[in-house]
């Protein structure tokens, strides 16, 4: 898959209102922040950025595994660098290493001005389907 293509949506993605695309070893998720994404301090809740990055990394991971396999987050380390209130947040993920059982990834989330809002590294498990 050398070109970017839209990833299938799922309920949390639809609820939060973000879109996801993936290419070979990459994933991008973005959303337009509004009040529903804010914490009580009128800043985007950290869980929103976390979900955005987890989804971008999941899209990147799926792009490098066999079509009949799935992946799941094993662990994720996240740093929040600055708050964001409104505008577009974009999480860009990249596969660092892809083994047959574990994929290592990194992701950076930026605001509409290109400023770093959050960054993350993660490990994803590659899961083979169970025989029917």
Protein backbone atom coordinates (compact mmCIF):
# COMPACT_ATOMS: atom_id res chain seq x y z
CA UNK A 1 0.00 0.00 0.00
CA UNK A 2 2.10 2.91 -1.15
CA UNK A 3 -0.68 5.47 -1.34
CA UNK A 4 -2.66 6.83 1.57
CA UNK A 5 -6.14 5.46 2.05
CA UNK A 6 -8.89 6.17 4.54
CA UNK A 7 -9.08 3.75 7.45
CA UNK A 8 -12.39 2.18 8.50
CA UNK A 9 -14.22 4.18 11.15
CA UNK A 10 -15.32 2.94 14.57
CA UNK A 11 -17.71 4.32 17.22
CA UNK A 12 -15.15 6.24 19.34
CA UNK A 13 -13.71 7.85 16.21
CA UNK A 14 -17.17 8.92 15.11
CA UNK A 15 -18.02 10.19 18.62
CA UNK A 16 -14.87 12.32 18.85
CA UNK A 17 -15.13 13.39 15.20
CA UNK A 18 -11.74 12.52 13.78
CA UNK A 19 -10.62 11.11 10.45
CA UNK A 20 -7.85 8.59 9.87
CA UNK A 21 -5.73 7.72 6.85
CA UNK A 22 -2.88 5.26 6.50
CA UNK A 23 -0.05 4.58 4.10
CA UNK A 24 2.76 2.04 4.14
CA UNK A 25 4.07 2.26 7.71
CA UNK A 26 2.34 5.56 8.47
CA UNK A 27 -0.94 6.71 9.96
CA UNK A 28 -2.52 10.13 10.38
CA UNK A 29 -5.52 11.06 12.50
CA UNK A 30 -6.93 14.57 12.76
CA UNK A 31 -9.84 16.39 14.33
CA UNK A 32 -11.22 19.89 14.67
CA UNK A 33 -11.31 20.75 18.37
CA UNK A 34 -14.46 22.18 19.89
CA UNK A 35 -16.02 22.40 23.37
CA UNK A 36 -16.91 18.69 23.53
CA UNK A 37 -13.16 17.92 23.54
CA UNK A 38 -12.39 20.32 26.42
CA UNK A 39 -11.64 19.57 30.06
CA UNK A 40 -13.01 21.84 32.84
CA UNK A 41 -10.16 24.30 32.12
CA UNK A 42 -11.39 24.90 28.52
CA UNK A 43 -8.37 23.08 27.06
CA UNK A 44 -8.48 19.85 25.04
CA UNK A 45 -8.61 16.90 27.42
CA UNK A 46 -5.46 14.78 27.36
CA UNK A 47 -7.53 11.68 26.61
CA UNK A 48 -8.54 13.23 23.27
CA UNK A 49 -4.91 13.62 22.17
CA UNK A 50 -4.13 10.15 23.56
CA UNK A 51 -6.99 8.57 21.57
CA UNK A 52 -5.93 10.48 18.45
CA UNK A 53 -2.34 9.21 18.73
CA UNK A 54 -3.37 5.65 19.61
CA UNK A 55 -5.59 5.58 16.53
CA UNK A 56 -2.91 7.06 14.23
CA UNK A 57 -0.40 4.48 15.47
CA UNK A 58 -2.99 1.71 15.06
CA UNK A 59 -3.54 2.78 11.46
CA UNK A 60 0.22 2.73 10.84
CA UNK A 61 0.53 -0.71 12.47
CA UNK A 62 -2.34 -2.18 10.43
CA UNK A 63 -0.62 -1.02 7.24
CA UNK A 64 2.33 -3.39 7.83
CA UNK A 65 0.63 -6.58 9.04
CA UNK A 66 -0.97 -9.39 7.03
CA UNK A 67 -4.52 -8.56 5.98
CA UNK A 68 -6.05 -11.36 8.09
CA UNK A 69 -4.29 -10.20 11.30
CA UNK A 70 -5.23 -7.50 13.80
CA UNK A 71 -3.19 -5.41 16.21
CA UNK A 72 -3.68 -4.11 19.74
CA UNK A 73 -1.84 -1.58 21.88
CA UNK A 74 0.46 -3.25 24.42
CA UNK A 75 1.82 -0.06 25.99
CA UNK A 76 1.97 3.62 25.18
CA UNK A 77 4.13 6.40 26.66
CA UNK A 78 2.76 9.90 26.11
CA UNK A 79 4.15 13.36 26.77
CA UNK A 80 1.99 16.48 26.67
CA UNK A 81 3.97 19.54 25.55
CA UNK A 82 1.35 22.30 25.35
CA UNK A 83 -2.38 22.81 25.60
CA UNK A 84 -4.69 23.21 22.64
CA UNK A 85 -8.13 24.81 22.62
CA UNK A 86 -9.54 25.13 19.09
CA UNK A 87 -8.38 24.40 15.56
CA UNK A 88 -7.14 21.20 13.98
CA UNK A 89 -5.07 18.65 15.87
CA UNK A 90 -3.12 16.24 13.68
CA UNK A 91 -1.38 13.08 14.90
CA UNK A 92 1.23 11.62 12.54
CA UNK A 93 2.52 8.14 13.34
CA UNK A 94 5.34 6.10 11.89
CA UNK A 95 6.37 2.47 12.31
CA UNK A 96 9.90 2.28 13.73
CA UNK A 97 10.26 -1.52 13.65
CA UNK A 98 7.81 -4.21 12.60
CA UNK A 99 8.35 -7.75 13.84
CA UNK A 100 6.07 -10.72 13.38
CA UNK A 101 4.66 -10.28 16.92
CA UNK A 102 5.39 -6.69 18.02
CA UNK A 103 5.45 -3.34 16.20
CA UNK A 104 7.21 -0.27 17.66
CA UNK A 105 5.87 3.16 16.69
CA UNK A 106 6.20 6.85 17.39
CA UNK A 107 3.70 9.67 16.94
CA UNK A 108 3.71 13.46 17.11
CA UNK A 109 0.60 15.60 17.44
CA UNK A 110 0.64 19.19 16.25
CA UNK A 111 -1.83 22.06 16.30
CA UNK A 112 -2.97 24.10 13.29
CA UNK A 113 0.18 26.26 13.59
CA UNK A 114 2.46 23.21 13.48
CA UNK A 115 3.38 23.45 17.18
CA UNK A 116 4.04 20.19 19.03
CA UNK A 117 1.14 19.45 21.39
CA UNK A 118 1.92 15.84 22.37
CA UNK A 119 4.21 12.97 21.44
CA UNK A 120 4.08 9.26 22.06
CA UNK A 121 5.85 5.96 21.57
CA UNK A 122 4.05 2.64 21.68
CA UNK A 123 4.27 -1.10 21.20
CA UNK A 124 1.49 -2.92 19.37
CA UNK A 125 0.90 -6.67 19.37
CA UNK A 126 0.35 -8.45 16.07
CA UNK A 127 -2.48 -10.94 16.60
CA UNK A 128 -3.19 -13.87 14.31
CA UNK A 129 -6.82 -14.86 13.82
CA UNK A 130 -8.02 -17.96 15.61
CA UNK A 131 -8.90 -20.90 13.38
CA UNK A 132 -12.64 -21.20 12.79
